[in-house]
Full PDB file with SEQRES, HELIX, SHEET, SSBOND, CRYST1, ORIGX, SCALE, CONECT and MASTER records, all heavy atoms in Angstrom:
SEQRES   1 A   39  PRO ARG ARG ILE PHE THR ASP SER TYR ASN GLY ALA PRO          
SEQRES   2 A   39  GLN ALA GLN ILE TRP GLN GLY LEU THR ARG VAL SER ALA          
SEQRES   3 A   39  LEU GLY GLY VAL VAL LEU PHE ALA SER ALA GLY LEU PHE          
HELIX    1 AA1 TYR A    9  GLY A   11  5                                   3    
HELIX    2 AA2 PRO A   13  LEU A   38  1                                  26    
CRYST1    1.000    1.000    1.000  90.00  90.00  90.00 P 1           1          
ORIGX1      1.000000  0.000000  0.000000        0.00000                         
ORIGX2      0.000000  1.000000  0.000000        0.00000                         
ORIGX3      0.000000  0.000000  1.000000        0.00000                         
SCALE1      1.000000  0.000000  0.000000        0.00000                         
SCALE2      0.000000  1.000000  0.000000        0.00000                         
SCALE3      0.000000  0.000000  1.000000        0.00000                         
ATOM      1  N   PRO A   1     127.293  59.402  75.997  1.00  0.00           N  
ATOM      2  CA  PRO A   1     126.862  58.072  76.445  1.00  0.00           C  
ATOM      3  C   PRO A   1     126.536  58.070  77.934  1.00  0.00           C  
ATOM      4  O   PRO A   1     127.010  58.916  78.687  1.00  0.00           O  
ATOM      5  CB  PRO A   1     128.065  57.178  76.146  1.00  0.00           C  
ATOM      6  CG  PRO A   1     129.213  58.095  75.980  1.00  0.00           C  
ATOM      7  CD  PRO A   1     128.689  59.441  75.616  1.00  0.00           C  
ATOM      8  N   ARG A   2     125.736  57.101  78.336  1.00  0.00           N  
ATOM      9  CA  ARG A   2     125.342  56.980  79.739  1.00  0.00           C  
ATOM     10  C   ARG A   2     126.223  55.973  80.445  1.00  0.00           C  
ATOM     11  O   ARG A   2     126.818  55.104  79.834  1.00  0.00           O  
ATOM     12  CB  ARG A   2     123.889  56.515  79.817  1.00  0.00           C  
ATOM     13  CG  ARG A   2     122.938  57.530  79.266  1.00  0.00           C  
ATOM     14  CD  ARG A   2     121.551  56.979  79.137  1.00  0.00           C  
ATOM     15  NE  ARG A   2     121.077  56.385  80.370  1.00  0.00           N  
ATOM     16  CZ  ARG A   2     119.859  55.923  80.539  1.00  0.00           C  
ATOM     17  NH1 ARG A   2     118.997  56.004  79.572  1.00  0.00           N  
ATOM     18  NH2 ARG A   2     119.505  55.374  81.668  1.00  0.00           N  
ATOM     19  N   ARG A   3     126.287  56.090  81.753  1.00  0.00           N  
ATOM     20  CA  ARG A   3     126.962  55.123  82.627  1.00  0.00           C  
ATOM     21  C   ARG A   3     128.422  54.909  82.248  1.00  0.00           C  
ATOM     22  O   ARG A   3     128.885  53.786  82.132  1.00  0.00           O  
ATOM     23  CB  ARG A   3     126.199  53.806  82.626  1.00  0.00           C  
ATOM     24  CG  ARG A   3     124.792  53.951  83.154  1.00  0.00           C  
ATOM     25  CD  ARG A   3     124.029  52.648  83.077  1.00  0.00           C  
ATOM     26  NE  ARG A   3     122.678  52.824  83.554  1.00  0.00           N  
ATOM     27  CZ  ARG A   3     121.651  53.089  82.763  1.00  0.00           C  
ATOM     28  NH1 ARG A   3     121.819  53.211  81.471  1.00  0.00           N  
ATOM     29  NH2 ARG A   3     120.455  53.234  83.271  1.00  0.00           N  
ATOM     30  N   ILE A   4     129.121  55.978  82.025  1.00  0.00           N  
ATOM     31  CA  ILE A   4     130.549  55.925  81.721  1.00  0.00           C  
ATOM     32  C   ILE A   4     131.285  56.518  82.910  1.00  0.00           C  
ATOM     33  O   ILE A   4     130.904  57.555  83.439  1.00  0.00           O  
ATOM     34  CB  ILE A   4     130.882  56.722  80.436  1.00  0.00           C  
ATOM     35  CG1 ILE A   4     130.069  56.208  79.258  1.00  0.00           C  
ATOM     36  CG2 ILE A   4     132.359  56.691  80.144  1.00  0.00           C  
ATOM     37  CD1 ILE A   4     130.408  54.826  78.810  1.00  0.00           C  
ATOM     38  N   PHE A   5     132.385  55.891  83.314  1.00  0.00           N  
ATOM     39  CA  PHE A   5     133.093  56.318  84.518  1.00  0.00           C  
ATOM     40  C   PHE A   5     133.854  57.627  84.319  1.00  0.00           C  
ATOM     41  O   PHE A   5     133.927  58.449  85.205  1.00  0.00           O  
ATOM     42  CB  PHE A   5     134.059  55.217  84.966  1.00  0.00           C  
ATOM     43  CG  PHE A   5     134.831  55.581  86.189  1.00  0.00           C  
ATOM     44  CD1 PHE A   5     134.197  55.696  87.416  1.00  0.00           C  
ATOM     45  CD2 PHE A   5     136.180  55.838  86.122  1.00  0.00           C  
ATOM     46  CE1 PHE A   5     134.894  56.038  88.549  1.00  0.00           C  
ATOM     47  CE2 PHE A   5     136.889  56.180  87.264  1.00  0.00           C  
ATOM     48  CZ  PHE A   5     136.242  56.277  88.467  1.00  0.00           C  
ATOM     49  N   THR A   6     134.432  57.849  83.166  1.00  0.00           N  
ATOM     50  CA  THR A   6     135.274  59.023  82.945  1.00  0.00           C  
ATOM     51  C   THR A   6     134.478  60.174  82.341  1.00  0.00           C  
ATOM     52  O   THR A   6     133.462  59.953  81.694  1.00  0.00           O  
ATOM     53  CB  THR A   6     136.457  58.673  82.016  1.00  0.00           C  
ATOM     54  OG1 THR A   6     137.241  59.840  81.822  1.00  0.00           O  
ATOM     55  CG2 THR A   6     135.967  58.190  80.658  1.00  0.00           C  
ATOM     56  N   ASP A   7     134.931  61.375  82.580  1.00  0.00           N  
ATOM     57  CA  ASP A   7     134.281  62.513  81.934  1.00  0.00           C  
ATOM     58  C   ASP A   7     135.160  63.147  80.857  1.00  0.00           C  
ATOM     59  O   ASP A   7     134.773  64.091  80.207  1.00  0.00           O  
ATOM     60  CB  ASP A   7     133.868  63.563  82.954  1.00  0.00           C  
ATOM     61  CG  ASP A   7     135.061  64.199  83.639  1.00  0.00           C  
ATOM     62  OD1 ASP A   7     136.158  63.640  83.539  1.00  0.00           O  
ATOM     63  OD2 ASP A   7     134.880  65.243  84.262  1.00  0.00           O  
ATOM     64  N   SER A   8     136.361  62.610  80.662  1.00  0.00           N  
ATOM     65  CA  SER A   8     137.246  63.192  79.650  1.00  0.00           C  
ATOM     66  C   SER A   8     137.062  62.540  78.285  1.00  0.00           C  
ATOM     67  O   SER A   8     137.363  63.151  77.267  1.00  0.00           O  
ATOM     68  CB  SER A   8     138.707  63.043  80.084  1.00  0.00           C  
ATOM     69  OG  SER A   8     139.074  61.679  80.103  1.00  0.00           O  
ATOM     70  N   TYR A   9     136.602  61.292  78.248  1.00  0.00           N  
ATOM     71  CA  TYR A   9     136.387  60.562  77.000  1.00  0.00           C  
ATOM     72  C   TYR A   9     137.631  60.612  76.114  1.00  0.00           C  
ATOM     73  O   TYR A   9     137.556  60.872  74.917  1.00  0.00           O  
ATOM     74  CB  TYR A   9     135.165  61.098  76.240  1.00  0.00           C  
ATOM     75  CG  TYR A   9     133.895  60.946  77.030  1.00  0.00           C  
ATOM     76  CD1 TYR A   9     133.381  62.015  77.767  1.00  0.00           C  
ATOM     77  CD2 TYR A   9     133.225  59.739  77.077  1.00  0.00           C  
ATOM     78  CE1 TYR A   9     132.223  61.872  78.513  1.00  0.00           C  
ATOM     79  CE2 TYR A   9     132.072  59.589  77.822  1.00  0.00           C  
ATOM     80  CZ  TYR A   9     131.584  60.662  78.524  1.00  0.00           C  
ATOM     81  OH  TYR A   9     130.445  60.512  79.265  1.00  0.00           O  
ATOM     82  N   ASN A  10     138.796  60.391  76.734  1.00  0.00           N  
ATOM     83  CA  ASN A  10     140.084  60.371  76.043  1.00  0.00           C  
ATOM     84  C   ASN A  10     140.348  61.644  75.245  1.00  0.00           C  
ATOM     85  O   ASN A  10     140.909  61.615  74.162  1.00  0.00           O  
ATOM     86  CB  ASN A  10     140.185  59.142  75.130  1.00  0.00           C  
ATOM     87  CG  ASN A  10     140.230  57.864  75.921  1.00  0.00           C  
ATOM     88  OD1 ASN A  10     140.770  57.842  77.025  1.00  0.00           O  
ATOM     89  ND2 ASN A  10     139.662  56.807  75.378  1.00  0.00           N  
ATOM     90  N   GLY A  11     139.921  62.769  75.757  1.00  0.00           N  
ATOM     91  CA  GLY A  11     140.195  64.053  75.127  1.00  0.00           C  
ATOM     92  C   GLY A  11     139.356  64.353  73.898  1.00  0.00           C  
ATOM     93  O   GLY A  11     139.716  65.228  73.100  1.00  0.00           O  
ATOM     94  N   ALA A  12     138.242  63.656  73.721  1.00  0.00           N  
ATOM     95  CA  ALA A  12     137.381  63.899  72.560  1.00  0.00           C  
ATOM     96  C   ALA A  12     136.851  65.324  72.598  1.00  0.00           C  
ATOM     97  O   ALA A  12     136.459  65.820  73.654  1.00  0.00           O  
ATOM     98  CB  ALA A  12     136.228  62.905  72.538  1.00  0.00           C  
ATOM     99  N   PRO A  13     136.852  66.034  71.451  1.00  0.00           N  
ATOM    100  CA  PRO A  13     136.391  67.429  71.446  1.00  0.00           C  
ATOM    101  C   PRO A  13     134.926  67.576  71.858  1.00  0.00           C  
ATOM    102  O   PRO A  13     134.554  68.562  72.481  1.00  0.00           O  
ATOM    103  CB  PRO A  13     136.607  67.895  70.007  1.00  0.00           C  
ATOM    104  CG  PRO A  13     137.068  66.730  69.228  1.00  0.00           C  
ATOM    105  CD  PRO A  13     137.333  65.603  70.145  1.00  0.00           C  
ATOM    106  N   GLN A  14     134.111  66.594  71.507  1.00  0.00           N  
ATOM    107  CA  GLN A  14     132.699  66.669  71.881  1.00  0.00           C  
ATOM    108  C   GLN A  14     132.534  66.659  73.401  1.00  0.00           C  
ATOM    109  O   GLN A  14     131.642  67.287  73.937  1.00  0.00           O  
ATOM    110  CB  GLN A  14     131.938  65.490  71.259  1.00  0.00           C  
ATOM    111  CG  GLN A  14     130.459  65.479  71.540  1.00  0.00           C  
ATOM    112  CD  GLN A  14     129.722  66.618  70.871  1.00  0.00           C  
ATOM    113  OE1 GLN A  14     130.178  67.167  69.870  1.00  0.00           O  
ATOM    114  NE2 GLN A  14     128.603  67.003  71.431  1.00  0.00           N  
ATOM    115  N   ALA A  15     133.436  65.969  74.105  1.00  0.00           N  
ATOM    116  CA  ALA A  15     133.348  65.875  75.562  1.00  0.00           C  
ATOM    117  C   ALA A  15     133.557  67.228  76.219  1.00  0.00           C  
ATOM    118  O   ALA A  15     133.046  67.469  77.319  1.00  0.00           O  
ATOM    119  CB  ALA A  15     134.360  64.867  76.087  1.00  0.00           C  
ATOM    120  N   GLN A  16     134.288  68.116  75.589  1.00  0.00           N  
ATOM    121  CA  GLN A  16     134.483  69.465  76.141  1.00  0.00           C  
ATOM    122  C   GLN A  16     133.151  70.203  76.238  1.00  0.00           C  
ATOM    123  O   GLN A  16     132.915  70.958  77.176  1.00  0.00           O  
ATOM    124  CB  GLN A  16     135.470  70.253  75.264  1.00  0.00           C  
ATOM    125  CG  GLN A  16     136.848  69.619  75.160  1.00  0.00           C  
ATOM    126  CD  GLN A  16     137.528  69.481  76.503  1.00  0.00           C  
ATOM    127  OE1 GLN A  16     137.449  70.372  77.333  1.00  0.00           O  
ATOM    128  NE2 GLN A  16     138.175  68.345  76.731  1.00  0.00           N  
ATOM    129  N   ILE A  17     132.280  69.981  75.268  1.00  0.00           N  
ATOM    130  CA  ILE A  17     130.957  70.631  75.284  1.00  0.00           C  
ATOM    131  C   ILE A  17     130.105  70.060  76.417  1.00  0.00           C  
ATOM    132  O   ILE A  17     129.374  70.790  77.076  1.00  0.00           O  
ATOM    133  CB  ILE A  17     130.265  70.434  73.922  1.00  0.00           C  
ATOM    134  CG1 ILE A  17     131.086  71.100  72.821  1.00  0.00           C  
ATOM    135  CG2 ILE A  17     128.845  70.987  73.946  1.00  0.00           C  
ATOM    136  CD1 ILE A  17     130.628  70.777  71.423  1.00  0.00           C  
ATOM    137  N   TRP A  18     130.248  68.761  76.670  1.00  0.00           N  
ATOM    138  CA  TRP A  18     129.426  68.119  77.694  1.00  0.00           C  
ATOM    139  C   TRP A  18     129.856  68.487  79.105  1.00  0.00           C  
ATOM    140  O   TRP A  18     129.039  68.464  80.020  1.00  0.00           O  
ATOM    141  CB  TRP A  18     129.502  66.604  77.575  1.00  0.00           C  
ATOM    142  CG  TRP A  18     129.084  66.045  76.262  1.00  0.00           C  
ATOM    143  CD1 TRP A  18     128.188  66.584  75.380  1.00  0.00           C  
ATOM    144  CD2 TRP A  18     129.538  64.836  75.676  1.00  0.00           C  
ATOM    145  NE1 TRP A  18     128.065  65.789  74.293  1.00  0.00           N  
ATOM    146  CE2 TRP A  18     128.890  64.698  74.439  1.00  0.00           C  
ATOM    147  CE3 TRP A  18     130.434  63.859  76.065  1.00  0.00           C  
ATOM    148  CZ2 TRP A  18     129.090  63.620  73.599  1.00  0.00           C  
ATOM    149  CZ3 TRP A  18     130.634  62.774  75.232  1.00  0.00           C  
ATOM    150  CH2 TRP A  18     129.976  62.659  74.016  1.00  0.00           C  
ATOM    151  N   GLN A  19     131.106  68.818  79.322  1.00  0.00           N  
ATOM    152  CA  GLN A  19     131.612  69.003  80.682  1.00  0.00           C  
ATOM    153  C   GLN A  19     130.901  70.119  81.438  1.00  0.00           C  
ATOM    154  O   GLN A  19     130.566  69.967  82.613  1.00  0.00           O  
ATOM    155  CB  GLN A  19     133.118  69.227  80.659  1.00  0.00           C  
ATOM    156  CG  GLN A  19     133.886  67.952  80.448  1.00  0.00           C  
ATOM    157  CD  GLN A  19     135.385  68.160  80.474  1.00  0.00           C  
ATOM    158  OE1 GLN A  19     135.862  69.289  80.406  1.00  0.00           O  
ATOM    159  NE2 GLN A  19     136.127  67.065  80.561  1.00  0.00           N  
ATOM    160  N   GLY A  20     130.649  71.233  80.793  1.00  0.00           N  
ATOM    161  CA  GLY A  20     129.937  72.321  81.475  1.00  0.00           C  
ATOM    162  C   GLY A  20     128.527  71.922  81.858  1.00  0.00           C  
ATOM    163  O   GLY A  20     128.041  72.234  82.954  1.00  0.00           O  
ATOM    164  N   LEU A  21     127.865  71.196  80.957  1.00  0.00           N  
ATOM    165  CA  LEU A  21     126.497  70.766  81.235  1.00  0.00           C  
ATOM    166  C   LEU A  21     126.453  69.700  82.328  1.00  0.00           C  
ATOM    167  O   LEU A  21     125.532  69.685  83.150  1.00  0.00           O  
ATOM    168  CB  LEU A  21     125.847  70.246  79.954  1.00  0.00           C  
ATOM    169  CG  LEU A  21     125.596  71.311  78.887  1.00  0.00           C  
ATOM    170  CD1 LEU A  21     125.162  70.679  77.573  1.00  0.00           C  
ATOM    171  CD2 LEU A  21     124.563  72.307  79.359  1.00  0.00           C  
ATOM    172  N   THR A  22     127.454  68.823  82.347  1.00  0.00           N  
ATOM    173  CA  THR A  22     127.453  67.807  83.410  1.00  0.00           C  
ATOM    174  C   THR A  22     127.721  68.444  84.776  1.00  0.00           C  
ATOM    175  O   THR A  22     127.280  67.910  85.789  1.00  0.00           O  
ATOM    176  CB  THR A  22     128.477  66.695  83.133  1.00  0.00           C  
ATOM    177  OG1 THR A  22     129.760  67.268  82.922  1.00  0.00           O  
ATOM    178  CG2 THR A  22     128.083  65.871  81.929  1.00  0.00           C  
ATOM    179  N   ARG A  23     128.403  69.560  84.797  1.00  0.00           N  
ATOM    180  CA  ARG A  23     128.580  70.271  86.076  1.00  0.00           C  
ATOM    181  C   ARG A  23     127.243  70.820  86.576  1.00  0.00           C  
ATOM    182  O   ARG A  23     126.966  70.817  87.783  1.00  0.00           O  
ATOM    183  CB  ARG A  23     129.610  71.382  85.916  1.00  0.00           C  
ATOM    184  CG  ARG A  23     131.023  70.862  85.808  1.00  0.00           C  
ATOM    185  CD  ARG A  23     132.050  71.974  85.815  1.00  0.00           C  
ATOM    186  NE  ARG A  23     133.368  71.409  85.586  1.00  0.00           N  
ATOM    187  CZ  ARG A  23     134.093  71.606  84.488  1.00  0.00           C  
ATOM    188  NH1 ARG A  23     133.633  72.387  83.527  1.00  0.00           N  
ATOM    189  NH2 ARG A  23     135.269  71.042  84.352  1.00  0.00           N  
ATOM    190  N   VAL A  24     126.414  71.299  85.640  1.00  0.00           N  
ATOM    191  CA  VAL A  24     125.076  71.764  86.019  1.00  0.00           C  
ATOM    192  C   VAL A  24     124.258  70.589  86.544  1.00  0.00           C  
ATOM    193  O   VAL A  24     123.530  70.710  87.536  1.00  0.00           O  
ATOM    194  CB  VAL A  24     124.375  72.454  84.824  1.00  0.00           C  
ATOM    195  CG1 VAL A  24     122.938  72.801  85.159  1.00  0.00           C  
ATOM    196  CG2 VAL A  24     125.137  73.700  84.397  1.00  0.00           C  
ATOM    197  N   SER A  25     124.388  69.429  85.896  1.00  0.00           N  
ATOM    198  CA  SER A  25     123.690  68.234  86.365  1.00  0.00           C  
ATOM    199  C   SER A  25     124.165  67.845  87.763  1.00  0.00           C  
ATOM    200  O   SER A  25     123.361  67.463  88.615  1.00  0.00           O  
ATOM    201  CB  SER A  25     123.926  67.087  85.382  1.00  0.00           C  
ATOM    202  OG  SER A  25     123.303  65.918  85.838  1.00  0.00           O  
ATOM    203  N   ALA A  26     125.461  67.946  88.004  1.00  0.00           N  
ATOM    204  CA  ALA A  26     126.002  67.640  89.337  1.00  0.00           C  
ATOM    205  C   ALA A  26     125.452  68.623  90.365  1.00  0.00           C  
ATOM    206  O   ALA A  26     125.148  68.234  91.506  1.00  0.00           O  
ATOM    207  CB  ALA A  26     127.519  67.681  89.313  1.00  0.00           C  
ATOM    208  N   LEU A  27     125.312  69.890  89.992  1.00  0.00           N  
ATOM    209  CA  LEU A  27     124.708  70.870  90.892  1.00  0.00           C  
ATOM    210  C   LEU A  27     123.273  70.465  91.222  1.00  0.00           C  
ATOM    211  O   LEU A  27     122.832  70.567  92.376  1.00  0.00           O  
ATOM    212  CB  LEU A  27     124.742  72.271  90.266  1.00  0.00           C  
ATOM    213  CG  LEU A  27     124.013  73.363  91.026  1.00  0.00           C  
ATOM    214  CD1 LEU A  27     124.685  73.609  92.370  1.00  0.00           C  
ATOM    215  CD2 LEU A  27     123.957  74.637  90.202  1.00  0.00           C  
ATOM    216  N   GLY A  28     122.540  69.974  90.217  1.00  0.00           N  
ATOM    217  CA  GLY A  28     121.190  69.473  90.466  1.00  0.00           C  
ATOM    218  C   GLY A  28     121.186  68.331  91.458  1.00  0.00           C  
ATOM    219  O   GLY A  28     120.316  68.243  92.317  1.00  0.00           O  
ATOM    220  N   GLY A  29     122.195  67.450  91.360  1.00  0.00           N  
ATOM    221  CA  GLY A  29     122.308  66.356  92.316  1.00  0.00           C  
ATOM    222  C   GLY A  29     122.555  66.851  93.732  1.00  0.00           C  
ATOM    223  O   GLY A  29     122.015  66.309  94.693  1.00  0.00           O  
ATOM    224  N   VAL A  30     123.362  67.893  93.853  1.00  0.00           N  
ATOM    225  CA  VAL A  30     123.627  68.479  95.174  1.00  0.00           C  
ATOM    226  C   VAL A  30     122.343  69.094  95.745  1.00  0.00           C  
ATOM    227  O   VAL A  30     122.037  68.940  96.938  1.00  0.00           O  
ATOM    228  CB  VAL A  30     124.762  69.522  95.089  1.00  0.00           C  
ATOM    229  CG1 VAL A  30     124.884  70.307  96.378  1.00  0.00           C  
ATOM    230  CG2 VAL A  30     126.076  68.846  94.738  1.00  0.00           C  
ATOM    231  N   VAL A  31     121.580  69.787  94.896  1.00  0.00           N  
ATOM    232  CA  VAL A  31     120.314  70.386  95.340  1.00  0.00           C  
ATOM    233  C   VAL A  31     119.343  69.285  95.774  1.00  0.00           C  
ATOM    234  O   VAL A  31     118.648  69.416  96.786  1.00  0.00           O  
ATOM    235  CB  VAL A  31     119.712  71.276  94.231  1.00  0.00           C  
ATOM    236  CG1 VAL A  31     118.320  71.750  94.590  1.00  0.00           C  
ATOM    237  CG2 VAL A  31     120.626  72.467  93.953  1.00  0.00           C  
ATOM    238  N   LEU A  32     119.288  68.180  95.010  1.00  0.00           N  
ATOM    239  CA  LEU A  32     118.430  67.059  95.390  1.00  0.00           C  
ATOM    240  C   LEU A  32     118.851  66.464  96.735  1.00  0.00           C  
ATOM    241  O   LEU A  32     118.002  66.138  97.580  1.00  0.00           O  
ATOM    242  CB  LEU A  32     118.476  65.973  94.318  1.00  0.00           C  
ATOM    243  CG  LEU A  32     117.699  66.267  93.044  1.00  0.00           C  
ATOM    244  CD1 LEU A  32     118.048  65.259  91.961  1.00  0.00           C  
ATOM    245  CD2 LEU A  32     116.209  66.260  93.312  1.00  0.00           C  
ATOM    246  N   PHE A  33     120.146  66.323  96.938  1.00  0.00           N  
ATOM    247  CA  PHE A  33     120.650  65.788  98.202  1.00  0.00           C  
ATOM    248  C   PHE A  33     120.271  66.704  99.368  1.00  0.00           C  
ATOM    249  O   PHE A  33     119.839  66.233 100.427  1.00  0.00           O  
ATOM    250  CB  PHE A  33     122.162  65.595  98.127  1.00  0.00           C  
ATOM    251  CG  PHE A  33     122.737  64.914  99.316  1.00  0.00           C  
ATOM    252  CD1 PHE A  33     122.615  63.540  99.472  1.00  0.00           C  
ATOM    253  CD2 PHE A  33     123.398  65.638 100.294  1.00  0.00           C  
ATOM    254  CE1 PHE A  33     123.146  62.902 100.582  1.00  0.00           C  
ATOM    255  CE2 PHE A  33     123.932  65.010 101.409  1.00  0.00           C  
ATOM    256  CZ  PHE A  33     123.805  63.639 101.556  1.00  0.00           C  
ATOM    257  N   ALA A  34     120.422  68.012  99.165  1.00  0.00           N  
ATOM    258  CA  ALA A  34     120.051  68.969 100.216  1.00  0.00           C  
ATOM    259  C   ALA A  34     118.558  68.892 100.509  1.00  0.00           C  
ATOM    260  O   ALA A  34     118.134  68.915 101.674  1.00  0.00           O  
ATOM    261  CB  ALA A  34     120.445  70.383  99.803  1.00  0.00           C  
ATOM    262  N   SER A  35     117.743  68.787  99.465  1.00  0.00           N  
ATOM    263  CA  SER A  35     116.299  68.693  99.653  1.00  0.00           C  
ATOM    264  C   SER A  35     115.930  67.419 100.392  1.00  0.00           C  
ATOM    265  O   SER A  35     115.058  67.433 101.272  1.00  0.00           O  
ATOM    266  CB  SER A  35     115.600  68.737  98.295  1.00  0.00           C  
ATOM    267  OG  SER A  35     114.214  68.587  98.449  1.00  0.00           O  
ATOM    268  N   ALA A  36     116.572  66.304 100.047  1.00  0.00           N  
ATOM    269  CA  ALA A  36     116.307  65.050 100.762  1.00  0.00           C  
ATOM    270  C   ALA A  36     116.690  65.187 102.234  1.00  0.00           C  
ATOM    271  O   ALA A  36     115.988  64.676 103.121  1.00  0.00           O  
ATOM    272  CB  ALA A  36     117.078  63.897 100.112  1.00  0.00           C  
ATOM    273  N   GLY A  37     117.778  65.869 102.507  1.00  0.00           N  
ATOM    274  CA  GLY A  37     118.176  66.112 103.892  1.00  0.00           C  
ATOM    275  C   GLY A  37     117.140  66.918 104.643  1.00  0.00           C  
ATOM    276  O   GLY A  37     116.833  66.632 105.813  1.00  0.00           O  
ATOM    277  N   LEU A  38     116.591  67.944 103.999  1.00  0.00           N  
ATOM    278  CA  LEU A  38     115.540  68.747 104.634  1.00  0.00           C  
ATOM    279  C   LEU A  38     114.306  67.898 104.909  1.00  0.00           C  
ATOM    280  O   LEU A  38     113.675  68.022 105.968  1.00  0.00           O  
ATOM    281  CB  LEU A  38     115.174  69.937 103.747  1.00  0.00           C  
ATOM    282  CG  LEU A  38     116.254  70.992 103.540  1.00  0.00           C  
ATOM    283  CD1 LEU A  38     115.746  72.099 102.622  1.00  0.00           C  
ATOM    284  CD2 LEU A  38     116.712  71.574 104.855  1.00  0.00           C  
ATOM    285  N   PHE A  39     113.953  67.029 103.963  1.00  0.00           N  
ATOM    286  CA  PHE A  39     112.799  66.145 104.162  1.00  0.00           C  
ATOM    287  C   PHE A  39     113.006  65.261 105.392  1.00  0.00           C  
ATOM    288  O   PHE A  39     112.117  65.135 106.235  1.00  0.00           O  
ATOM    289  CB  PHE A  39     112.567  65.294 102.910  1.00  0.00           C  
ATOM    290  CG  PHE A  39     111.495  64.258 103.084  1.00  0.00           C  
ATOM    291  CD1 PHE A  39     110.162  64.621 103.124  1.00  0.00           C  
ATOM    292  CD2 PHE A  39     111.822  62.926 103.209  1.00  0.00           C  
ATOM    293  CE1 PHE A  39     109.168  63.662 103.294  1.00  0.00           C  
ATOM    294  CE2 PHE A  39     110.854  61.962 103.376  1.00  0.00           C  
ATOM    295  CZ  PHE A  39     109.520  62.338 103.414  1.00  0.00           C  
TER     296      PHE A  39                                                      
MASTER        0    0    0    2    0    0    0    6  295    1    0    3          
END                                                                             
């Protein structure tokens, strides 16, 4: 789901699969922030 505050989803097994991918998304956010800083 979108716009949810927690990343654990009350220990749901499906959330374990999402956690690694959301870390990649967070890395993308860091890269975007760095690029905006360079701009």
